[in-house]
Amino acid sequence: MHKKGRYVRILTMAVNVEVTKSGNDNNLGIIRKFTKRVQGSGILSRLRGRRYSSRKLSEYVKKKKTLKRIEKKANIRELIKMGKMPGTLEN
């Protein structure tokens, strides 16, 4: 969203699909025509592509995960040194 002065512009591209009924079309024909136009505009393919995408992790979250991983490795090393956990001490 862009604010400039008193006007607000939304920077998304909206695609409107419109179907008008001509003289000989029945309701099923209009629905079929509408679905063809929606498919042709590519709205659904974009939405389905966005459906399972995930956000990039923020720097803070990456740092937290890394620190947690380092702490966990250190705890496991300690348990192996004390003989409470099977395993070998590798780098």
C-alpha atoms as a PDB file:
ATOM      1  CA  MET A   1       0.000   0.000   0.000  1.00  0.00           C
ATOM      2  CA  HIS A   2       1.365   3.391  -0.944  1.00  0.00           C
ATOM      3  CA  LYS A   3       0.326   6.609   0.789  1.00  0.00           C
ATOM      4  CA  LYS A   4       0.979   9.839  -0.990  1.00  0.00           C
ATOM      5  CA  GLY A   5      -0.800  12.931   0.227  1.00  0.00           C
ATOM      6  CA  ARG A   6      -4.475  12.210   0.714  1.00  0.00           C
ATOM      7  CA  TYR A   7      -4.620   9.400  -1.825  1.00  0.00           C
ATOM      8  CA  VAL A   8      -4.071   5.730  -1.087  1.00  0.00           C
ATOM      9  CA  ARG A   9      -2.961   3.423  -3.872  1.00  0.00           C
ATOM     10  CA  ILE A  10      -3.023  -0.328  -3.418  1.00  0.00           C
ATOM     11  CA  LEU A  11      -0.259  -1.966  -5.437  1.00  0.00           C
ATOM     12  CA  THR A  12      -2.010  -5.220  -6.246  1.00  0.00           C
ATOM     13  CA  MET A  13      -3.272  -6.189  -9.624  1.00  0.00           C
ATOM     14  CA  ALA A  14      -6.973  -7.020  -9.536  1.00  0.00           C
ATOM     15  CA  VAL A  15      -8.407  -8.986 -12.407  1.00  0.00           C
ATOM     16  CA  ASN A  16     -12.137  -8.817 -12.850  1.00  0.00           C
ATOM     17  CA  VAL A  17     -13.832 -11.517 -14.852  1.00  0.00           C
ATOM     18  CA  GLU A  18     -17.203 -10.564 -16.229  1.00  0.00           C
ATOM     19  CA  VAL A  19     -19.663 -12.600 -18.274  1.00  0.00           C
ATOM     20  CA  THR A  20     -22.832 -11.200 -19.787  1.00  0.00           C
ATOM     21  CA  LYS A  21     -25.786 -13.278 -20.865  1.00  0.00           C
ATOM     22  CA  SER A  22     -26.507 -13.201 -24.551  1.00  0.00           C
ATOM     23  CA  GLY A  23     -29.852 -14.128 -26.043  1.00  0.00           C
ATOM     24  CA  ASN A  24     -29.497 -17.915 -26.356  1.00  0.00           C
ATOM     25  CA  ASP A  25     -27.370 -18.751 -23.281  1.00  0.00           C
ATOM     26  CA  ASN A  26     -28.804 -20.858 -20.496  1.00  0.00           C
ATOM     27  CA  ASN A  27     -27.488 -20.827 -16.916  1.00  0.00           C
ATOM     28  CA  LEU A  28     -25.093 -23.751 -17.396  1.00  0.00           C
ATOM     29  CA  GLY A  29     -23.632 -22.084 -20.469  1.00  0.00           C
ATOM     30  CA  ILE A  30     -22.993 -18.895 -18.542  1.00  0.00           C
ATOM     31  CA  ILE A  31     -21.288 -20.804 -15.721  1.00  0.00           C
ATOM     32  CA  ARG A  32     -19.151 -22.666 -18.268  1.00  0.00           C
ATOM     33  CA  LYS A  33     -18.229 -19.396 -19.952  1.00  0.00           C
ATOM     34  CA  PHE A  34     -17.316 -17.873 -16.588  1.00  0.00           C
ATOM     35  CA  THR A  35     -15.086 -20.792 -15.580  1.00  0.00           C
ATOM     36  CA  LYS A  36     -13.307 -20.628 -18.951  1.00  0.00           C
ATOM     37  CA  ARG A  37     -12.611 -16.929 -18.486  1.00  0.00           C
ATOM     38  CA  VAL A  38     -11.341 -17.469 -14.934  1.00  0.00           C
ATOM     39  CA  GLN A  39      -9.005 -20.222 -16.158  1.00  0.00           C
ATOM     40  CA  GLY A  40      -7.830 -18.045 -19.018  1.00  0.00           C
ATOM     41  CA  SER A  41      -7.022 -15.120 -16.744  1.00  0.00           C
ATOM     42  CA  GLY A  42      -4.719 -17.305 -14.591  1.00  0.00           C
ATOM     43  CA  ILE A  43      -6.186 -16.272 -11.245  1.00  0.00           C
ATOM     44  CA  LEU A  44      -6.612 -19.792  -9.920  1.00  0.00           C
ATOM     45  CA  SER A  45      -3.168 -21.004 -10.956  1.00  0.00           C
ATOM     46  CA  ARG A  46      -1.551 -18.066  -9.126  1.00  0.00           C
ATOM     47  CA  LEU A  47      -3.610 -18.694  -5.991  1.00  0.00           C
ATOM     48  CA  ARG A  48      -2.886 -22.418  -6.019  1.00  0.00           C
ATOM     49  CA  GLY A  49       0.800 -21.690  -6.431  1.00  0.00           C
ATOM     50  CA  ARG A  50       0.746 -19.347  -3.449  1.00  0.00           C
ATOM     51  CA  ARG A  51      -1.219 -21.824  -1.337  1.00  0.00           C
ATOM     52  CA  TYR A  52       1.710 -23.874  -0.022  1.00  0.00           C
ATOM     53  CA  SER A  53       4.443 -21.252  -0.135  1.00  0.00           C
ATOM     54  CA  SER A  54       5.946 -20.271   3.170  1.00  0.00           C
ATOM     55  CA  ARG A  55       7.460 -17.053   4.370  1.00  0.00           C
ATOM     56  CA  LYS A  56      11.191 -16.552   4.608  1.00  0.00           C
ATOM     57  CA  LEU A  57      12.473 -16.820   8.146  1.00  0.00           C
ATOM     58  CA  SER A  58      13.469 -13.554   9.773  1.00  0.00           C
ATOM     59  CA  GLU A  59      17.038 -13.004  10.936  1.00  0.00           C
ATOM     60  CA  TYR A  60      15.897 -13.192  14.557  1.00  0.00           C
ATOM     61  CA  VAL A  61      14.196 -16.565  14.087  1.00  0.00           C
ATOM     62  CA  LYS A  62      17.245 -17.952  12.234  1.00  0.00           C
ATOM     63  CA  LYS A  63      19.510 -16.833  15.062  1.00  0.00           C
ATOM     64  CA  LYS A  64      17.210 -18.395  17.689  1.00  0.00           C
ATOM     65  CA  LYS A  65      17.127 -21.719  15.827  1.00  0.00           C
ATOM     66  CA  THR A  66      20.913 -21.746  15.422  1.00  0.00           C
ATOM     67  CA  LEU A  67      21.490 -21.017  19.106  1.00  0.00           C
ATOM     68  CA  LYS A  68      19.030 -23.752  20.090  1.00  0.00           C
ATOM     69  CA  ARG A  69      20.828 -26.239  17.802  1.00  0.00           C
ATOM     70  CA  ILE A  70      24.248 -25.321  19.259  1.00  0.00           C
ATOM     71  CA  GLU A  71      22.919 -25.694  22.811  1.00  0.00           C
ATOM     72  CA  LYS A  72      21.397 -29.082  21.995  1.00  0.00           C
ATOM     73  CA  LYS A  73      24.692 -30.323  20.494  1.00  0.00           C
ATOM     74  CA  ALA A  74      26.567 -29.172  23.595  1.00  0.00           C
ATOM     75  CA  ASN A  75      24.113 -31.012  25.864  1.00  0.00           C
ATOM     76  CA  ILE A  76      24.475 -34.213  23.827  1.00  0.00           C
ATOM     77  CA  ARG A  77      28.295 -33.926  23.957  1.00  0.00           C
ATOM     78  CA  GLU A  78      28.125 -33.612  27.744  1.00  0.00           C
ATOM     79  CA  LEU A  79      25.854 -36.662  28.055  1.00  0.00           C
ATOM     80  CA  ILE A  80      28.195 -38.710  25.848  1.00  0.00           C
ATOM     81  CA  LYS A  81      31.234 -37.608  27.909  1.00  0.00           C
ATOM     82  CA  MET A  82      29.513 -38.667  31.136  1.00  0.00           C
ATOM     83  CA  GLY A  83      28.538 -42.019  29.586  1.00  0.00           C
ATOM     84  CA  LYS A  84      24.799 -41.421  29.961  1.00  0.00           C
ATOM     85  CA  MET A  85      24.205 -41.519  26.203  1.00  0.00           C
ATOM     86  CA  PRO A  86      25.639 -43.933  23.668  1.00  0.00           C
ATOM     87  CA  GLY A  87      27.654 -42.431  20.839  1.00  0.00           C
ATOM     88  CA  THR A  88      31.033 -41.124  19.879  1.00  0.00           C
ATOM     89  CA  LEU A  89      32.525 -37.678  20.272  1.00  0.00           C
ATOM     90  CA  GLU A  90      32.893 -36.373  16.755  1.00  0.00           C
ATOM     91  CA  ASN A  91      33.415 -32.852  15.547  1.00  0.00           C
END
